[in-house]
Amino acid sequence: MLPTPSRRAVFGLLAAASGGLIASGGIIAPVIPPSIAFVMFGVIAQVSITKLFMAGIVPGIMMGTSILIAWAWVIRKDKLEAQPR
């Protein structure tokens, strides 16, 4: 996912920070609908998949918003800028 993390910064961020952003974004995947984990759990536990999806929307939005706020703070604190394309 990182083009050349050892040689250059990615989108103005250091390679380690870019890797951290990708990893933190990957944690949201099982929570935001439609998630394969929700479907499998619903089938195995015989729980309504629609209710599971509805229950995953608010936590997913909250997790995404918290990551957005945290990275906005990091960018302002370190005075990072996007590199030209």
Protein backbone atom coordinates (compact mmCIF):
# COMPACT_ATOMS: atom_id res chain seq x y z
CA MET A 1 0.00 0.00 0.00
CA LEU A 2 2.91 2.37 0.55
CA PRO A 3 4.68 3.07 -2.76
CA THR A 4 8.25 3.45 -1.52
CA PRO A 5 8.12 3.91 2.26
CA SER A 6 11.87 3.69 2.80
CA ARG A 7 12.81 6.29 0.19
CA ARG A 8 10.33 9.13 0.43
CA ALA A 9 7.47 10.58 2.39
CA VAL A 10 3.98 9.64 1.30
CA PHE A 11 1.55 12.57 0.92
CA GLY A 12 3.77 14.72 3.11
CA LEU A 13 3.81 12.24 5.97
CA LEU A 14 6.71 10.11 7.03
CA ALA A 15 6.52 6.46 5.97
CA ALA A 16 5.96 5.27 9.55
CA ALA A 17 3.10 7.70 10.02
CA SER A 18 1.57 6.59 6.71
CA GLY A 19 1.77 2.98 7.83
CA GLY A 20 0.07 3.89 11.09
CA LEU A 21 -2.72 5.65 9.22
CA ILE A 22 -3.29 2.62 7.00
CA ALA A 23 -3.31 0.27 10.01
CA SER A 24 -5.73 2.43 11.99
CA GLY A 25 -8.03 2.69 8.99
CA GLY A 26 -7.97 -1.10 8.61
CA ILE A 27 -9.31 -1.56 12.12
CA ILE A 28 -12.57 0.13 11.12
CA ALA A 29 -13.29 -2.39 8.34
CA PRO A 30 -15.02 -5.05 10.49
CA VAL A 31 -17.27 -2.42 12.07
CA ILE A 32 -18.57 -0.44 9.09
CA PRO A 33 -21.38 -2.17 7.19
CA PRO A 34 -21.49 -4.12 4.93
CA SER A 35 -18.91 -6.23 6.67
CA ILE A 36 -18.28 -9.90 5.98
CA ALA A 37 -17.74 -10.42 9.71
CA PHE A 38 -21.25 -9.07 10.41
CA VAL A 39 -22.80 -11.37 7.82
CA MET A 40 -20.93 -14.43 9.11
CA PHE A 41 -21.80 -13.65 12.73
CA GLY A 42 -25.44 -13.06 11.83
CA VAL A 43 -25.71 -16.37 10.01
CA ILE A 44 -23.90 -18.41 12.67
CA ALA A 45 -25.60 -16.79 15.68
CA GLN A 46 -28.97 -16.50 13.89
CA VAL A 47 -29.13 -12.76 14.55
CA SER A 48 -30.76 -10.25 12.21
CA ILE A 49 -28.09 -9.00 9.81
CA THR A 50 -30.06 -5.79 9.28
CA LYS A 51 -29.90 -5.05 13.00
CA LEU A 52 -26.18 -5.78 13.03
CA PHE A 53 -25.64 -3.35 10.16
CA MET A 54 -27.69 -0.68 11.91
CA ALA A 55 -25.70 -1.26 15.11
CA GLY A 56 -22.40 -0.83 13.23
CA ILE A 57 -23.10 2.52 11.59
CA VAL A 58 -22.74 4.81 14.64
CA PRO A 59 -19.56 3.16 16.05
CA GLY A 60 -18.01 3.16 12.58
CA ILE A 61 -18.72 6.84 12.08
CA MET A 62 -17.39 7.62 15.55
CA MET A 63 -14.18 5.66 14.90
CA GLY A 64 -13.67 7.35 11.53
CA THR A 65 -14.27 10.79 13.01
CA SER A 66 -11.83 10.15 15.85
CA ILE A 67 -9.11 9.08 13.40
CA LEU A 68 -9.82 12.17 11.29
CA ILE A 69 -9.53 14.47 14.32
CA ALA A 70 -6.36 12.75 15.56
CA TRP A 71 -4.64 13.05 12.18
CA ALA A 72 -5.75 16.66 11.75
CA TRP A 73 -4.10 17.37 15.10
CA VAL A 74 -0.89 15.55 14.08
CA ILE A 75 -0.73 17.43 10.77
CA ARG A 76 -1.17 20.80 12.48
CA LYS A 77 1.28 19.94 15.27
CA ASP A 78 4.03 18.78 12.89
CA LYS A 79 3.18 21.41 10.24
CA LEU A 80 3.01 18.81 7.48
CA GLU A 81 1.98 19.70 3.95
CA ALA A 82 0.95 17.57 1.01
CA GLN A 83 3.67 17.04 -1.55
CA PRO A 84 3.02 18.11 -5.15
CA ARG A 85 1.86 15.38 -7.49
